[in-house]
Amino acid sequence: MSARRKIEIFSAGCSACDQTVELVRRLACPSCEVSVLDMQQAPVAARAAQLGIRSVPAVVVDGKLATCCAGRGPDEESLRAAGVGQPA
């Protein structure tokens, strides 16, 4: 069995977050495991802080914050560069 790429989307449930969820799901490959995490839950917010997430939406690929999410919003090119849509 092949390895799975773990993609976490940190979301506040806003329309920008919803658009990011749709984009990631569209780009995701069969071996991508996509999770949407609610920032209103304390454990999720704590994990986000550990990862250095300062704004949402934010995308983490295999435990690493995608560069697109460190200052500006996610876009297709930077998500693909982070590994979204590619087998692990």
N, C-alpha and C. Protein backbone atom coordinates (compact mmCIF):
# COMPACT_ATOMS: atom_id res chain seq x y z
N MET A 1 0.85 -1.19 0.00
CA MET A 1 0.00 0.00 0.00
C MET A 1 0.89 1.24 0.00
N SER A 2 0.57 2.20 -0.81
CA SER A 2 1.40 3.38 -0.92
C SER A 2 1.11 4.37 0.21
N ALA A 3 2.08 5.25 0.44
CA ALA A 3 1.93 6.26 1.48
C ALA A 3 0.88 7.29 1.06
N ARG A 4 0.25 7.88 2.04
CA ARG A 4 -0.76 8.90 1.78
C ARG A 4 -0.18 10.26 2.13
N ARG A 5 -0.53 11.26 1.33
CA ARG A 5 -0.14 12.64 1.61
C ARG A 5 -1.23 13.22 2.51
N LYS A 6 -0.84 13.73 3.67
CA LYS A 6 -1.79 14.28 4.63
C LYS A 6 -1.90 15.79 4.43
N ILE A 7 -3.11 16.25 4.12
CA ILE A 7 -3.37 17.66 3.90
C ILE A 7 -4.39 18.12 4.93
N GLU A 8 -4.01 19.13 5.70
CA GLU A 8 -4.90 19.69 6.72
C GLU A 8 -5.24 21.12 6.33
N ILE A 9 -6.53 21.44 6.37
CA ILE A 9 -6.98 22.79 6.08
C ILE A 9 -7.52 23.37 7.39
N PHE A 10 -6.89 24.43 7.86
CA PHE A 10 -7.33 25.10 9.07
C PHE A 10 -8.32 26.17 8.65
N SER A 11 -9.55 26.08 9.14
CA SER A 11 -10.66 26.89 8.67
C SER A 11 -11.44 27.52 9.82
N ALA A 12 -11.96 28.71 9.54
CA ALA A 12 -12.87 29.37 10.49
C ALA A 12 -14.30 29.32 9.97
N GLY A 13 -14.51 28.63 8.86
CA GLY A 13 -15.86 28.50 8.31
C GLY A 13 -16.30 29.69 7.48
N CYS A 14 -15.38 30.59 7.14
CA CYS A 14 -15.73 31.77 6.35
C CYS A 14 -15.75 31.41 4.86
N SER A 15 -16.20 32.35 4.03
CA SER A 15 -16.28 32.06 2.59
C SER A 15 -14.89 31.86 1.99
N ALA A 16 -13.89 32.60 2.44
CA ALA A 16 -12.52 32.40 1.93
C ALA A 16 -12.03 31.00 2.30
N CYS A 17 -12.35 30.55 3.50
CA CYS A 17 -11.97 29.20 3.93
C CYS A 17 -12.68 28.16 3.07
N ASP A 18 -13.96 28.36 2.82
CA ASP A 18 -14.72 27.43 1.99
C ASP A 18 -14.14 27.33 0.58
N GLN A 19 -13.70 28.46 0.02
CA GLN A 19 -13.09 28.45 -1.31
C GLN A 19 -11.79 27.65 -1.30
N THR A 20 -11.02 27.78 -0.22
CA THR A 20 -9.77 27.03 -0.11
C THR A 20 -10.05 25.54 0.01
N VAL A 21 -11.05 25.17 0.78
CA VAL A 21 -11.43 23.75 0.91
C VAL A 21 -11.80 23.20 -0.47
N GLU A 22 -12.59 23.93 -1.24
CA GLU A 22 -12.98 23.49 -2.58
C GLU A 22 -11.77 23.35 -3.49
N LEU A 23 -10.84 24.32 -3.42
CA LEU A 23 -9.64 24.29 -4.26
C LEU A 23 -8.78 23.08 -3.92
N VAL A 24 -8.54 22.85 -2.64
CA VAL A 24 -7.70 21.72 -2.23
C VAL A 24 -8.36 20.40 -2.63
N ARG A 25 -9.65 20.28 -2.43
CA ARG A 25 -10.34 19.03 -2.80
C ARG A 25 -10.29 18.81 -4.31
N ARG A 26 -10.35 19.88 -5.09
CA ARG A 26 -10.27 19.75 -6.54
C ARG A 26 -8.87 19.30 -6.97
N LEU A 27 -7.84 19.80 -6.29
CA LEU A 27 -6.46 19.48 -6.64
C LEU A 27 -6.00 18.13 -6.09
N ALA A 28 -6.64 17.67 -5.04
CA ALA A 28 -6.18 16.47 -4.34
C ALA A 28 -6.18 15.24 -5.24
N CYS A 29 -5.18 14.40 -5.03
CA CYS A 29 -5.06 13.15 -5.80
C CYS A 29 -5.66 12.01 -4.97
N PRO A 30 -5.81 10.85 -5.56
CA PRO A 30 -6.38 9.72 -4.83
C PRO A 30 -5.60 9.34 -3.56
N SER A 31 -4.31 9.63 -3.52
CA SER A 31 -3.53 9.28 -2.32
C SER A 31 -3.45 10.44 -1.33
N CYS A 32 -4.20 11.51 -1.58
CA CYS A 32 -4.24 12.65 -0.65
C CYS A 32 -5.36 12.43 0.37
N GLU A 33 -5.02 12.61 1.63
CA GLU A 33 -5.99 12.53 2.71
C GLU A 33 -6.25 13.95 3.19
N VAL A 34 -7.42 14.50 2.88
CA VAL A 34 -7.75 15.89 3.19
C VAL A 34 -8.62 15.96 4.44
N SER A 35 -8.19 16.80 5.39
CA SER A 35 -8.95 17.04 6.61
C SER A 35 -9.21 18.53 6.75
N VAL A 36 -10.45 18.89 7.12
CA VAL A 36 -10.79 20.27 7.39
C VAL A 36 -10.92 20.40 8.90
N LEU A 37 -10.12 21.31 9.47
CA LEU A 37 -10.07 21.47 10.91
C LEU A 37 -10.68 22.80 11.33
N ASP A 38 -11.53 22.76 12.34
CA ASP A 38 -12.28 23.93 12.82
C ASP A 38 -11.45 24.68 13.86
N MET A 39 -11.03 25.88 13.52
CA MET A 39 -10.20 26.69 14.41
C MET A 39 -10.91 27.10 15.69
N GLN A 40 -12.22 26.90 15.76
CA GLN A 40 -12.95 27.25 16.98
C GLN A 40 -12.81 26.17 18.05
N GLN A 41 -12.21 25.05 17.70
CA GLN A 41 -11.96 23.98 18.67
C GLN A 41 -10.58 24.21 19.28
N ALA A 42 -10.49 24.19 20.59
CA ALA A 42 -9.24 24.50 21.29
C ALA A 42 -8.06 23.64 20.85
N PRO A 43 -8.21 22.31 20.70
CA PRO A 43 -7.06 21.51 20.27
C PRO A 43 -6.57 21.89 18.87
N VAL A 44 -7.49 22.26 17.99
CA VAL A 44 -7.12 22.66 16.64
C VAL A 44 -6.37 23.99 16.69
N ALA A 45 -6.86 24.93 17.47
CA ALA A 45 -6.19 26.22 17.61
C ALA A 45 -4.80 26.06 18.21
N ALA A 46 -4.65 25.13 19.15
CA ALA A 46 -3.34 24.88 19.75
C ALA A 46 -2.38 24.30 18.72
N ARG A 47 -2.86 23.37 17.91
CA ARG A 47 -2.00 22.79 16.86
C ARG A 47 -1.62 23.86 15.85
N ALA A 48 -2.56 24.73 15.49
CA ALA A 48 -2.29 25.81 14.56
C ALA A 48 -1.18 26.72 15.11
N ALA A 49 -1.25 27.02 16.38
CA ALA A 49 -0.22 27.86 16.99
C ALA A 49 1.15 27.18 16.93
N GLN A 50 1.19 25.88 17.17
CA GLN A 50 2.45 25.13 17.09
C GLN A 50 3.04 25.18 15.69
N LEU A 51 2.18 25.21 14.68
CA LEU A 51 2.63 25.23 13.29
C LEU A 51 2.95 26.63 12.79
N GLY A 52 2.67 27.65 13.61
CA GLY A 52 2.95 29.02 13.22
C GLY A 52 1.87 29.66 12.37
N ILE A 53 0.68 29.09 12.41
CA ILE A 53 -0.44 29.65 11.64
C ILE A 53 -0.95 30.89 12.35
N ARG A 54 -1.00 32.00 11.61
CA ARG A 54 -1.44 33.27 12.17
C ARG A 54 -2.73 33.78 11.52
N SER A 55 -3.13 33.16 10.41
CA SER A 55 -4.38 33.55 9.75
C SER A 55 -4.95 32.35 9.03
N VAL A 56 -6.23 32.41 8.75
CA VAL A 56 -6.90 31.33 8.04
C VAL A 56 -7.53 31.90 6.78
N PRO A 57 -7.72 31.09 5.77
CA PRO A 57 -7.44 29.66 5.74
C PRO A 57 -5.94 29.40 5.65
N ALA A 58 -5.55 28.26 6.18
CA ALA A 58 -4.16 27.83 6.10
C ALA A 58 -4.14 26.35 5.74
N VAL A 59 -3.15 25.97 4.94
CA VAL A 59 -3.02 24.59 4.48
C VAL A 59 -1.68 24.03 4.94
N VAL A 60 -1.74 22.85 5.54
CA VAL A 60 -0.55 22.14 6.00
C VAL A 60 -0.46 20.84 5.22
N VAL A 61 0.70 20.60 4.61
CA VAL A 61 0.91 19.40 3.82
C VAL A 61 2.00 18.58 4.49
N ASP A 62 1.64 17.37 4.90
CA ASP A 62 2.57 16.46 5.58
C ASP A 62 3.27 17.14 6.75
N GLY A 63 2.50 17.90 7.54
CA GLY A 63 3.02 18.52 8.75
C GLY A 63 3.75 19.83 8.55
N LYS A 64 3.78 20.35 7.33
CA LYS A 64 4.50 21.58 7.04
C LYS A 64 3.55 22.61 6.46
N LEU A 65 3.55 23.82 7.04
CA LEU A 65 2.71 24.91 6.57
C LEU A 65 3.12 25.28 5.15
N ALA A 66 2.18 25.26 4.22
CA ALA A 66 2.47 25.63 2.83
C ALA A 66 2.88 27.10 2.78
N THR A 67 3.87 27.41 1.95
CA THR A 67 4.40 28.78 1.91
C THR A 67 3.34 29.80 1.55
N CYS A 68 2.33 29.39 0.81
CA CYS A 68 1.26 30.31 0.44
C CYS A 68 0.49 30.80 1.66
N CYS A 69 0.58 30.08 2.73
CA CYS A 69 -0.24 30.38 3.90
C CYS A 69 0.53 31.13 4.98
N ALA A 70 1.77 31.49 4.69
CA ALA A 70 2.57 32.19 5.67
C ALA A 70 2.35 33.70 5.61
N GLY A 71 1.72 34.20 4.57
CA GLY A 71 1.51 35.63 4.49
C GLY A 71 0.33 36.04 3.64
N ARG A 72 0.05 35.26 2.61
CA ARG A 72 -1.08 35.56 1.74
C ARG A 72 -1.94 34.32 1.61
N GLY A 73 -3.04 34.43 0.95
CA GLY A 73 -3.95 33.30 0.84
C GLY A 73 -3.46 32.23 -0.11
N PRO A 74 -4.00 31.04 0.04
CA PRO A 74 -3.63 29.90 -0.81
C PRO A 74 -4.00 30.14 -2.27
N ASP A 75 -3.14 29.67 -3.17
CA ASP A 75 -3.45 29.69 -4.59
C ASP A 75 -2.99 28.36 -5.18
N GLU A 76 -3.53 28.04 -6.35
CA GLU A 76 -3.29 26.73 -6.95
C GLU A 76 -1.81 26.44 -7.14
N GLU A 77 -1.06 27.38 -7.68
CA GLU A 77 0.36 27.16 -7.96
C GLU A 77 1.16 26.82 -6.70
N SER A 78 0.95 27.57 -5.64
CA SER A 78 1.72 27.31 -4.42
C SER A 78 1.26 26.04 -3.73
N LEU A 79 -0.03 25.70 -3.83
CA LEU A 79 -0.49 24.45 -3.24
C LEU A 79 0.11 23.26 -3.98
N ARG A 80 0.17 23.34 -5.31
CA ARG A 80 0.81 22.26 -6.08
C ARG A 80 2.28 22.15 -5.72
N ALA A 81 2.95 23.30 -5.54
CA ALA A 81 4.37 23.29 -5.16
C ALA A 81 4.58 22.64 -3.79
N ALA A 82 3.57 22.74 -2.93
CA ALA A 82 3.66 22.13 -1.60
C ALA A 82 3.37 20.63 -1.63
N GLY A 83 2.89 20.13 -2.77
CA GLY A 83 2.64 18.70 -2.91
C GLY A 83 1.19 18.31 -3.02
N VAL A 84 0.27 19.26 -2.95
CA VAL A 84 -1.14 18.92 -3.08
C VAL A 84 -1.39 18.39 -4.49
N GLY A 85 -2.02 17.24 -4.57
CA GLY A 85 -2.34 16.63 -5.85
C GLY A 85 -1.27 15.69 -6.37
N GLN A 86 -0.22 15.49 -5.56
CA GLN A 86 0.86 14.59 -5.95
C GLN A 86 0.96 13.47 -4.94
N PRO A 87 1.18 12.27 -5.41
CA PRO A 87 1.35 11.15 -4.47
C PRO A 87 2.50 11.41 -3.51
N ALA A 88 2.37 10.87 -2.32
CA ALA A 88 3.41 11.06 -1.29
C ALA A 88 4.68 10.33 -1.64
